[in-house]
Amino acid sequence: MKQTRWVHAATCVVQVEVDAVIPEDDPSEPCFEPDAVEFLREVHEHAQAGDIDWLKRVGKVFIAASA
């Protein structure tokens, strides 16, 4: 099952889809496999670094506008 996750950084927000698992013991809350957690960390690192081109390849990027 796919879940939408939002990764926040100072200059942008990235919307990505990751695989989630519904545990039999507690189906009320989806969980993420280690690969999905590592992917989210990688997205966050690229977002912090401002690597917009890489981020566009993995999700939707929303860039903060200055007032």
N, C-alpha and C. Protein backbone atom coordinates (compact mmCIF):
# COMPACT_ATOMS: atom_id res chain seq x y z
N MET A 1 0.84 -1.17 0.00
CA MET A 1 0.00 0.00 0.00
C MET A 1 0.89 1.24 0.00
N LYS A 2 0.56 2.19 -0.85
CA LYS A 2 1.33 3.44 -0.94
C LYS A 2 0.78 4.47 0.04
N GLN A 3 1.68 5.22 0.63
CA GLN A 3 1.34 6.31 1.54
C GLN A 3 2.05 7.58 1.07
N THR A 4 1.37 8.69 1.15
CA THR A 4 1.97 9.98 0.82
C THR A 4 2.66 10.52 2.06
N ARG A 5 3.88 10.96 1.89
CA ARG A 5 4.64 11.57 2.97
C ARG A 5 5.15 12.92 2.49
N TRP A 6 5.18 13.88 3.40
CA TRP A 6 5.69 15.21 3.13
C TRP A 6 7.01 15.39 3.87
N VAL A 7 8.03 15.78 3.13
CA VAL A 7 9.36 16.00 3.71
C VAL A 7 9.62 17.50 3.67
N HIS A 8 9.87 18.08 4.84
CA HIS A 8 10.03 19.53 4.98
C HIS A 8 11.49 19.92 5.11
N ALA A 9 11.84 21.01 4.45
CA ALA A 9 13.16 21.62 4.60
C ALA A 9 12.96 23.13 4.65
N ALA A 10 14.01 23.86 4.86
CA ALA A 10 13.90 25.31 5.01
C ALA A 10 13.38 26.00 3.75
N THR A 11 13.79 25.52 2.59
CA THR A 11 13.43 26.22 1.35
C THR A 11 12.39 25.49 0.50
N CYS A 12 12.02 24.26 0.88
CA CYS A 12 11.06 23.53 0.06
C CYS A 12 10.37 22.44 0.88
N VAL A 13 9.31 21.92 0.29
CA VAL A 13 8.59 20.76 0.83
C VAL A 13 8.46 19.79 -0.32
N VAL A 14 8.65 18.50 -0.04
CA VAL A 14 8.60 17.48 -1.08
C VAL A 14 7.52 16.46 -0.72
N GLN A 15 6.67 16.16 -1.70
CA GLN A 15 5.64 15.14 -1.52
C GLN A 15 6.13 13.88 -2.23
N VAL A 16 6.25 12.78 -1.49
CA VAL A 16 6.69 11.51 -2.06
C VAL A 16 5.73 10.39 -1.67
N GLU A 17 5.75 9.34 -2.46
CA GLU A 17 4.95 8.15 -2.18
C GLU A 17 5.91 7.04 -1.73
N VAL A 18 5.59 6.39 -0.62
CA VAL A 18 6.40 5.29 -0.11
C VAL A 18 5.50 4.10 0.20
N ASP A 19 6.08 2.92 0.14
CA ASP A 19 5.34 1.71 0.48
C ASP A 19 5.17 1.61 1.99
N ALA A 20 3.96 1.28 2.40
CA ALA A 20 3.65 1.08 3.81
C ALA A 20 3.12 -0.33 4.00
N VAL A 21 3.29 -0.84 5.21
CA VAL A 21 2.83 -2.18 5.57
C VAL A 21 1.81 -2.03 6.69
N ILE A 22 0.73 -2.77 6.60
CA ILE A 22 -0.27 -2.76 7.67
C ILE A 22 0.01 -3.98 8.55
N PRO A 23 0.47 -3.77 9.78
CA PRO A 23 0.78 -4.91 10.64
C PRO A 23 -0.50 -5.62 11.10
N GLU A 24 -0.43 -6.93 11.17
CA GLU A 24 -1.58 -7.72 11.61
C GLU A 24 -1.92 -7.42 13.07
N ASP A 25 -0.92 -7.16 13.90
CA ASP A 25 -1.15 -6.91 15.32
C ASP A 25 -1.88 -5.61 15.59
N ASP A 26 -1.63 -4.60 14.76
CA ASP A 26 -2.27 -3.30 14.95
C ASP A 26 -2.54 -2.67 13.58
N PRO A 27 -3.65 -3.03 12.95
CA PRO A 27 -3.93 -2.52 11.60
C PRO A 27 -4.34 -1.05 11.56
N SER A 28 -4.41 -0.39 12.71
CA SER A 28 -4.85 1.01 12.74
C SER A 28 -3.79 1.98 12.22
N GLU A 29 -2.53 1.57 12.22
CA GLU A 29 -1.45 2.47 11.84
C GLU A 29 -0.50 1.79 10.86
N PRO A 30 -0.35 2.33 9.64
CA PRO A 30 0.62 1.74 8.70
C PRO A 30 2.05 1.96 9.20
N CYS A 31 2.92 1.02 8.86
CA CYS A 31 4.33 1.09 9.23
C CYS A 31 5.18 1.10 7.97
N PHE A 32 6.43 1.50 8.12
CA PHE A 32 7.34 1.57 6.99
C PHE A 32 8.49 0.60 7.18
N GLU A 33 8.85 -0.07 6.10
CA GLU A 33 10.01 -0.95 6.09
C GLU A 33 11.28 -0.10 6.15
N PRO A 34 12.39 -0.69 6.56
CA PRO A 34 13.65 0.08 6.64
C PRO A 34 14.04 0.77 5.33
N ASP A 35 13.76 0.15 4.18
CA ASP A 35 14.09 0.78 2.90
C ASP A 35 13.32 2.09 2.71
N ALA A 36 12.05 2.10 3.10
CA ALA A 36 11.22 3.31 2.97
C ALA A 36 11.72 4.40 3.91
N VAL A 37 12.11 4.02 5.12
CA VAL A 37 12.62 4.99 6.08
C VAL A 37 13.93 5.59 5.57
N GLU A 38 14.80 4.76 5.02
CA GLU A 38 16.07 5.24 4.47
C GLU A 38 15.82 6.18 3.29
N PHE A 39 14.85 5.86 2.43
CA PHE A 39 14.50 6.71 1.31
C PHE A 39 14.03 8.08 1.81
N LEU A 40 13.20 8.11 2.84
CA LEU A 40 12.72 9.37 3.39
C LEU A 40 13.87 10.20 3.97
N ARG A 41 14.83 9.54 4.58
CA ARG A 41 16.02 10.25 5.09
C ARG A 41 16.82 10.85 3.94
N GLU A 42 16.95 10.07 2.86
CA GLU A 42 17.69 10.54 1.69
C GLU A 42 16.98 11.75 1.06
N VAL A 43 15.67 11.68 0.96
CA VAL A 43 14.90 12.82 0.43
C VAL A 43 15.12 14.04 1.31
N HIS A 44 15.09 13.85 2.62
CA HIS A 44 15.30 14.98 3.53
C HIS A 44 16.69 15.59 3.36
N GLU A 45 17.71 14.76 3.21
CA GLU A 45 19.07 15.26 3.01
C GLU A 45 19.17 16.09 1.72
N HIS A 46 18.56 15.59 0.65
CA HIS A 46 18.59 16.33 -0.62
C HIS A 46 17.78 17.62 -0.51
N ALA A 47 16.69 17.58 0.23
CA ALA A 47 15.89 18.79 0.43
C ALA A 47 16.68 19.83 1.22
N GLN A 48 17.36 19.39 2.27
CA GLN A 48 18.19 20.31 3.08
C GLN A 48 19.30 20.93 2.24
N ALA A 49 19.83 20.14 1.29
CA ALA A 49 20.92 20.62 0.44
C ALA A 49 20.41 21.46 -0.73
N GLY A 50 19.09 21.50 -0.93
CA GLY A 50 18.54 22.28 -2.03
C GLY A 50 18.71 21.63 -3.39
N ASP A 51 18.83 20.31 -3.43
CA ASP A 51 19.03 19.56 -4.67
C ASP A 51 17.69 19.34 -5.37
N ILE A 52 17.16 20.41 -5.95
CA ILE A 52 15.82 20.41 -6.53
C ILE A 52 15.72 19.44 -7.71
N ASP A 53 16.74 19.37 -8.55
CA ASP A 53 16.69 18.46 -9.71
C ASP A 53 16.51 17.01 -9.26
N TRP A 54 17.24 16.59 -8.24
CA TRP A 54 17.11 15.22 -7.72
C TRP A 54 15.72 15.02 -7.13
N LEU A 55 15.25 15.98 -6.37
CA LEU A 55 13.95 15.88 -5.72
C LEU A 55 12.82 15.78 -6.73
N LYS A 56 12.92 16.50 -7.84
CA LYS A 56 11.88 16.44 -8.88
C LYS A 56 11.77 15.04 -9.48
N ARG A 57 12.83 14.27 -9.43
CA ARG A 57 12.80 12.91 -9.98
C ARG A 57 12.09 11.93 -9.07
N VAL A 58 11.96 12.27 -7.78
CA VAL A 58 11.37 11.32 -6.83
C VAL A 58 10.01 11.77 -6.28
N GLY A 59 9.64 13.01 -6.52
CA GLY A 59 8.36 13.48 -5.99
C GLY A 59 8.00 14.85 -6.50
N LYS A 60 6.99 15.43 -5.88
CA LYS A 60 6.56 16.79 -6.22
C LYS A 60 7.25 17.76 -5.27
N VAL A 61 7.80 18.81 -5.83
CA VAL A 61 8.56 19.78 -5.04
C VAL A 61 7.81 21.10 -4.98
N PHE A 62 7.66 21.63 -3.78
CA PHE A 62 7.04 22.92 -3.56
C PHE A 62 8.11 23.83 -2.95
N ILE A 63 8.44 24.90 -3.66
CA ILE A 63 9.52 25.78 -3.23
C ILE A 63 8.94 27.00 -2.53
N ALA A 64 9.53 27.36 -1.41
CA ALA A 64 9.07 28.50 -0.63
C ALA A 64 9.33 29.79 -1.39
N ALA A 65 8.34 30.66 -1.39
CA ALA A 65 8.48 31.97 -2.02
C ALA A 65 8.78 33.01 -0.94
N SER A 66 9.64 33.95 -1.26
CA SER A 66 9.93 35.00 -0.29
C SER A 66 8.83 36.06 -0.36
N ALA A 67 8.53 36.64 0.77
CA ALA A 67 7.45 37.63 0.85
C ALA A 67 7.94 39.00 0.44
